Amino acid sequence: MADGEDDEISPLYQAPFIGKLSTFYREMAMKLKLPKFYGHPLNFLKLMEISDQIRWL
């Protein structure tokens, strides 16, 4: 983990993840609202990874 960011959670991996997630939400007739912090978009893939790690503690 260099500079506080994983290689697995780079924007290159986030874009396809958001695309698949938005497709899932659209198929379920739900609206996807990506989280923001003080008006700035969060790295949703990193947020999901961290919440998954916390779930298994």
PDB file of N, CA and C in Angstrom:
ATOM      1  N   MET A   1       0.845  -1.168   0.000  1.00  0.00           N
ATOM      2  CA  MET A   1       0.000   0.000   0.000  1.00  0.00           C
ATOM      3  C   MET A   1       0.893   1.235   0.000  1.00  0.00           C
ATOM      4  N   ALA A   2       1.016   1.862  -1.144  1.00  0.00           N
ATOM      5  CA  ALA A   2       1.867   3.027  -1.289  1.00  0.00           C
ATOM      6  C   ALA A   2       1.018   4.285  -1.395  1.00  0.00           C
ATOM      7  N   ASP A   3       1.449   5.332  -0.727  1.00  0.00           N
ATOM      8  CA  ASP A   3       0.748   6.611  -0.756  1.00  0.00           C
ATOM      9  C   ASP A   3      -0.696   6.510  -0.275  1.00  0.00           C
ATOM     10  N   GLY A   4      -1.011   5.522   0.547  1.00  0.00           N
ATOM     11  CA  GLY A   4      -2.342   5.414   1.113  1.00  0.00           C
ATOM     12  C   GLY A   4      -3.413   4.897   0.176  1.00  0.00           C
ATOM     13  N   GLU A   5      -3.016   4.383  -0.992  1.00  0.00           N
ATOM     14  CA  GLU A   5      -4.032   3.896  -1.940  1.00  0.00           C
ATOM     15  C   GLU A   5      -3.610   2.533  -2.481  1.00  0.00           C
ATOM     16  N   ASP A   6      -4.533   1.589  -2.475  1.00  0.00           N
ATOM     17  CA  ASP A   6      -4.270   0.258  -3.010  1.00  0.00           C
ATOM     18  C   ASP A   6      -4.300   0.287  -4.526  1.00  0.00           C
ATOM     19  N   ASP A   7      -3.500  -0.603  -5.143  1.00  0.00           N
ATOM     20  CA  ASP A   7      -3.555  -0.740  -6.596  1.00  0.00           C
ATOM     21  C   ASP A   7      -4.911  -1.277  -7.023  1.00  0.00           C
ATOM     22  N   GLU A   8      -5.506  -2.125  -6.183  1.00  0.00           N
ATOM     23  CA  GLU A   8      -6.786  -2.753  -6.516  1.00  0.00           C
ATOM     24  C   GLU A   8      -7.942  -1.751  -6.528  1.00  0.00           C
ATOM     25  N   ILE A   9      -7.761  -0.606  -5.911  1.00  0.00           N
ATOM     26  CA  ILE A   9      -8.864   0.329  -5.738  1.00  0.00           C
ATOM     27  C   ILE A   9      -8.600   1.620  -6.516  1.00  0.00           C
ATOM     28  N   SER A  10      -7.882   1.523  -7.607  1.00  0.00           N
ATOM     29  CA  SER A  10      -7.583   2.698  -8.413  1.00  0.00           C
ATOM     30  C   SER A  10      -8.805   3.080  -9.257  1.00  0.00           C
ATOM     31  N   PRO A  11      -8.810   4.282  -9.809  1.00  0.00           N
ATOM     32  CA  PRO A  11      -9.935   4.697 -10.668  1.00  0.00           C
ATOM     33  C   PRO A  11     -10.144   3.770 -11.867  1.00  0.00           C
ATOM     34  N   LEU A  12      -9.092   3.080 -12.316  1.00  0.00           N
ATOM     35  CA  LEU A  12      -9.247   2.134 -13.420  1.00  0.00           C
ATOM     36  C   LEU A  12     -10.189   0.991 -13.056  1.00  0.00           C
ATOM     37  N   TYR A  13     -10.171   0.586 -11.802  1.00  0.00           N
ATOM     38  CA  TYR A  13     -11.047  -0.489 -11.355  1.00  0.00           C
ATOM     39  C   TYR A  13     -12.394   0.046 -10.891  1.00  0.00           C
ATOM     40  N   GLN A  14     -12.420   1.301 -10.463  1.00  0.00           N
ATOM     41  CA  GLN A  14     -13.664   1.868  -9.937  1.00  0.00           C
ATOM     42  C   GLN A  14     -14.693   2.101 -11.040  1.00  0.00           C
ATOM     43  N   ALA A  15     -14.261   2.567 -12.204  1.00  0.00           N
ATOM     44  CA  ALA A  15     -15.207   2.877 -13.290  1.00  0.00           C
ATOM     45  C   ALA A  15     -16.023   1.654 -13.723  1.00  0.00           C
ATOM     46  N   PRO A  16     -15.398   0.488 -13.991  1.00  0.00           N
ATOM     47  CA  PRO A  16     -16.223  -0.680 -14.352  1.00  0.00           C
ATOM     48  C   PRO A  16     -17.133  -1.139 -13.210  1.00  0.00           C
ATOM     49  N   PHE A  17     -16.654  -0.999 -11.972  1.00  0.00           N
ATOM     50  CA  PHE A  17     -17.465  -1.387 -10.817  1.00  0.00           C
ATOM     51  C   PHE A  17     -18.715  -0.513 -10.730  1.00  0.00           C
ATOM     52  N   ILE A  18     -18.561   0.792 -10.895  1.00  0.00           N
ATOM     53  CA  ILE A  18     -19.697   1.708 -10.854  1.00  0.00           C
ATOM     54  C   ILE A  18     -20.654   1.405 -12.005  1.00  0.00           C
ATOM     55  N   GLY A  19     -20.106   1.051 -13.178  1.00  0.00           N
ATOM     56  CA  GLY A  19     -20.954   0.700 -14.321  1.00  0.00           C
ATOM     57  C   GLY A  19     -21.815  -0.518 -14.035  1.00  0.00           C
ATOM     58  N   LYS A  20     -21.212  -1.555 -13.465  1.00  0.00           N
ATOM     59  CA  LYS A  20     -21.974  -2.765 -13.124  1.00  0.00           C
ATOM     60  C   LYS A  20     -22.989  -2.483 -12.025  1.00  0.00           C
ATOM     61  N   LEU A  21     -22.593  -1.669 -11.068  1.00  0.00           N
ATOM     62  CA  LEU A  21     -23.483  -1.329  -9.970  1.00  0.00           C
ATOM     63  C   LEU A  21     -24.682  -0.519 -10.467  1.00  0.00           C
ATOM     64  N   SER A  22     -24.446   0.416 -11.374  1.00  0.00           N
ATOM     65  CA  SER A  22     -25.556   1.216 -11.900  1.00  0.00           C
ATOM     66  C   SER A  22     -26.486   0.358 -12.749  1.00  0.00           C
ATOM     67  N   THR A  23     -25.934  -0.628 -13.466  1.00  0.00           N
ATOM     68  CA  THR A  23     -26.775  -1.555 -14.226  1.00  0.00           C
ATOM     69  C   THR A  23     -27.672  -2.361 -13.286  1.00  0.00           C
ATOM     70  N   PHE A  24     -27.099  -2.833 -12.187  1.00  0.00           N
ATOM     71  CA  PHE A  24     -27.871  -3.584 -11.201  1.00  0.00           C
ATOM     72  C   PHE A  24     -29.005  -2.727 -10.638  1.00  0.00           C
ATOM     73  N   TYR A  25     -28.691  -1.500 -10.249  1.00  0.00           N
ATOM     74  CA  TYR A  25     -29.715  -0.613  -9.696  1.00  0.00           C
ATOM     75  C   TYR A  25     -30.809  -0.337 -10.718  1.00  0.00           C
ATOM     76  N   ARG A  26     -30.430  -0.119 -11.981  1.00  0.00           N
ATOM     77  CA  ARG A  26     -31.410   0.155 -13.030  1.00  0.00           C
ATOM     78  C   ARG A  26     -32.325  -1.055 -13.241  1.00  0.00           C
ATOM     79  N   GLU A  27     -31.756  -2.276 -13.220  1.00  0.00           N
ATOM     80  CA  GLU A  27     -32.567  -3.493 -13.387  1.00  0.00           C
ATOM     81  C   GLU A  27     -33.539  -3.682 -12.231  1.00  0.00           C
ATOM     82  N   MET A  28     -33.160  -3.219 -11.051  1.00  0.00           N
ATOM     83  CA  MET A  28     -34.031  -3.336  -9.886  1.00  0.00           C
ATOM     84  C   MET A  28     -34.951  -2.130  -9.726  1.00  0.00           C
ATOM     85  N   ALA A  29     -34.957  -1.247 -10.716  1.00  0.00           N
ATOM     86  CA  ALA A  29     -35.784  -0.034 -10.718  1.00  0.00           C
ATOM     87  C   ALA A  29     -35.494   0.844  -9.504  1.00  0.00           C
ATOM     88  N   MET A  30     -34.220   0.969  -9.169  1.00  0.00           N
ATOM     89  CA  MET A  30     -33.797   1.822  -8.065  1.00  0.00           C
ATOM     90  C   MET A  30     -32.852   2.889  -8.616  1.00  0.00           C
ATOM     91  N   LYS A  31     -32.706   3.955  -7.874  1.00  0.00           N
ATOM     92  CA  LYS A  31     -31.815   5.034  -8.288  1.00  0.00           C
ATOM     93  C   LYS A  31     -30.506   4.939  -7.506  1.00  0.00           C
ATOM     94  N   LEU A  32     -29.396   4.950  -8.223  1.00  0.00           N
ATOM     95  CA  LEU A  32     -28.077   4.889  -7.597  1.00  0.00           C
ATOM     96  C   LEU A  32     -27.624   6.301  -7.262  1.00  0.00           C
ATOM     97  N   LYS A  33     -27.381   6.553  -5.995  1.00  0.00           N
ATOM     98  CA  LYS A  33     -26.846   7.838  -5.565  1.00  0.00           C
ATOM     99  C   LYS A  33     -25.489   7.560  -4.933  1.00  0.00           C
ATOM    100  N   LEU A  34     -24.432   7.963  -5.624  1.00  0.00           N
ATOM    101  CA  LEU A  34     -23.085   7.731  -5.118  1.00  0.00           C
ATOM    102  C   LEU A  34     -22.813   8.647  -3.932  1.00  0.00           C
ATOM    103  N   PRO A  35     -22.098   8.142  -2.928  1.00  0.00           N
ATOM    104  CA  PRO A  35     -21.847   8.946  -1.733  1.00  0.00           C
ATOM    105  C   PRO A  35     -20.895  10.101  -2.017  1.00  0.00           C
ATOM    106  N   LYS A  36     -21.136  11.205  -1.332  1.00  0.00           N
ATOM    107  CA  LYS A  36     -20.264  12.373  -1.438  1.00  0.00           C
ATOM    108  C   LYS A  36     -19.907  12.826  -0.028  1.00  0.00           C
ATOM    109  N   PHE A  37     -18.763  13.466   0.089  1.00  0.00           N
ATOM    110  CA  PHE A  37     -18.304  14.004   1.361  1.00  0.00           C
ATOM    111  C   PHE A  37     -17.975  15.467   1.134  1.00  0.00           C
ATOM    112  N   TYR A  38     -18.758  16.333   1.728  1.00  0.00           N
ATOM    113  CA  TYR A  38     -18.619  17.782   1.528  1.00  0.00           C
ATOM    114  C   TYR A  38     -18.628  18.139   0.048  1.00  0.00           C
ATOM    115  N   GLY A  39     -19.510  17.496  -0.699  1.00  0.00           N
ATOM    116  CA  GLY A  39     -19.673  17.785  -2.111  1.00  0.00           C
ATOM    117  C   GLY A  39     -18.683  17.104  -3.034  1.00  0.00           C
ATOM    118  N   HIS A  40     -17.708  16.396  -2.488  1.00  0.00           N
ATOM    119  CA  HIS A  40     -16.716  15.700  -3.304  1.00  0.00           C
ATOM    120  C   HIS A  40     -17.068  14.218  -3.365  1.00  0.00           C
ATOM    121  N   PRO A  41     -17.042  13.624  -4.555  1.00  0.00           N
ATOM    122  CA  PRO A  41     -17.373  12.198  -4.667  1.00  0.00           C
ATOM    123  C   PRO A  41     -16.339  11.325  -3.965  1.00  0.00           C
ATOM    124  N   LEU A  42     -16.818  10.271  -3.322  1.00  0.00           N
ATOM    125  CA  LEU A  42     -15.945   9.322  -2.653  1.00  0.00           C
ATOM    126  C   LEU A  42     -15.604   8.179  -3.596  1.00  0.00           C
ATOM    127  N   ASN A  43     -14.498   7.510  -3.319  1.00  0.00           N
ATOM    128  CA  ASN A  43     -14.131   6.308  -4.063  1.00  0.00           C
ATOM    129  C   ASN A  43     -15.032   5.187  -3.546  1.00  0.00           C
ATOM    130  N   PHE A  44     -16.098   4.908  -4.280  1.00  0.00           N
ATOM    131  CA  PHE A  44     -17.118   3.964  -3.820  1.00  0.00           C
ATOM    132  C   PHE A  44     -16.567   2.553  -3.674  1.00  0.00           C
ATOM    133  N   LEU A  45     -15.674   2.144  -4.559  1.00  0.00           N
ATOM    134  CA  LEU A  45     -15.091   0.808  -4.483  1.00  0.00           C
ATOM    135  C   LEU A  45     -14.256   0.661  -3.212  1.00  0.00           C
ATOM    136  N   LYS A  46     -13.497   1.696  -2.872  1.00  0.00           N
ATOM    137  CA  LYS A  46     -12.689   1.661  -1.651  1.00  0.00           C
ATOM    138  C   LYS A  46     -13.594   1.632  -0.423  1.00  0.00           C
ATOM    139  N   LEU A  47     -14.676   2.390  -0.461  1.00  0.00           N
ATOM    140  CA  LEU A  47     -15.636   2.412   0.635  1.00  0.00           C
ATOM    141  C   LEU A  47     -16.254   1.031   0.846  1.00  0.00           C
ATOM    142  N   MET A  48     -16.619   0.357  -0.250  1.00  0.00           N
ATOM    143  CA  MET A  48     -17.193  -0.995  -0.151  1.00  0.00           C
ATOM    144  C   MET A  48     -16.167  -1.984   0.407  1.00  0.00           C
ATOM    145  N   GLU A  49     -14.920  -1.868  -0.020  1.00  0.00           N
ATOM    146  CA  GLU A  49     -13.859  -2.758   0.456  1.00  0.00           C
ATOM    147  C   GLU A  49     -13.651  -2.584   1.956  1.00  0.00           C
ATOM    148  N   ILE A  50     -13.618  -1.356   2.429  1.00  0.00           N
ATOM    149  CA  ILE A  50     -13.412  -1.093   3.854  1.00  0.00           C
ATOM    150  C   ILE A  50     -14.597  -1.585   4.668  1.00  0.00           C
ATOM    151  N   SER A  51     -15.811  -1.354   4.185  1.00  0.00           N
ATOM    152  CA  SER A  51     -16.985  -1.816   4.930  1.00  0.00           C
ATOM    153  C   SER A  51     -17.049  -3.334   4.980  1.00  0.00           C
ATOM    154  N   ASP A  52     -16.569  -3.994   3.936  1.00  0.00           N
ATOM    155  CA  ASP A  52     -16.520  -5.455   3.933  1.00  0.00           C
ATOM    156  C   ASP A  52     -15.506  -5.951   4.947  1.00  0.00           C
ATOM    157  N   GLN A  53     -14.372  -5.269   5.067  1.00  0.00           N
ATOM    158  CA  GLN A  53     -13.353  -5.651   6.064  1.00  0.00           C
ATOM    159  C   GLN A  53     -13.885  -5.466   7.481  1.00  0.00           C
ATOM    160  N   ILE A  54     -14.622  -4.388   7.707  1.00  0.00           N
ATOM    161  CA  ILE A  54     -15.181  -4.141   9.037  1.00  0.00           C
ATOM    162  C   ILE A  54     -16.214  -5.191   9.385  1.00  0.00           C
ATOM    163  N   ARG A  55     -16.970  -5.610   8.382  1.00  0.00           N
ATOM    164  CA  ARG A  55     -18.021  -6.618   8.614  1.00  0.00           C
ATOM    165  C   ARG A  55     -17.420  -7.925   9.139  1.00  0.00           C
ATOM    166  N   TRP A  56     -16.209  -8.257   8.728  1.00  0.00           N
ATOM    167  CA  TRP A  56     -15.606  -9.531   9.116  1.00  0.00           C
ATOM    168  C   TRP A  56     -14.766  -9.439  10.382  1.00  0.00           C
ATOM    169  N   LEU A  57     -14.741  -8.305  11.050  1.00  0.00           N
ATOM    170  CA  LEU A  57     -13.981  -8.179  12.315  1.00  0.00           C
ATOM    171  C   LEU A  57     -14.666  -8.890  13.445  1.00  0.00           C
TER     172      LEU A  57
END
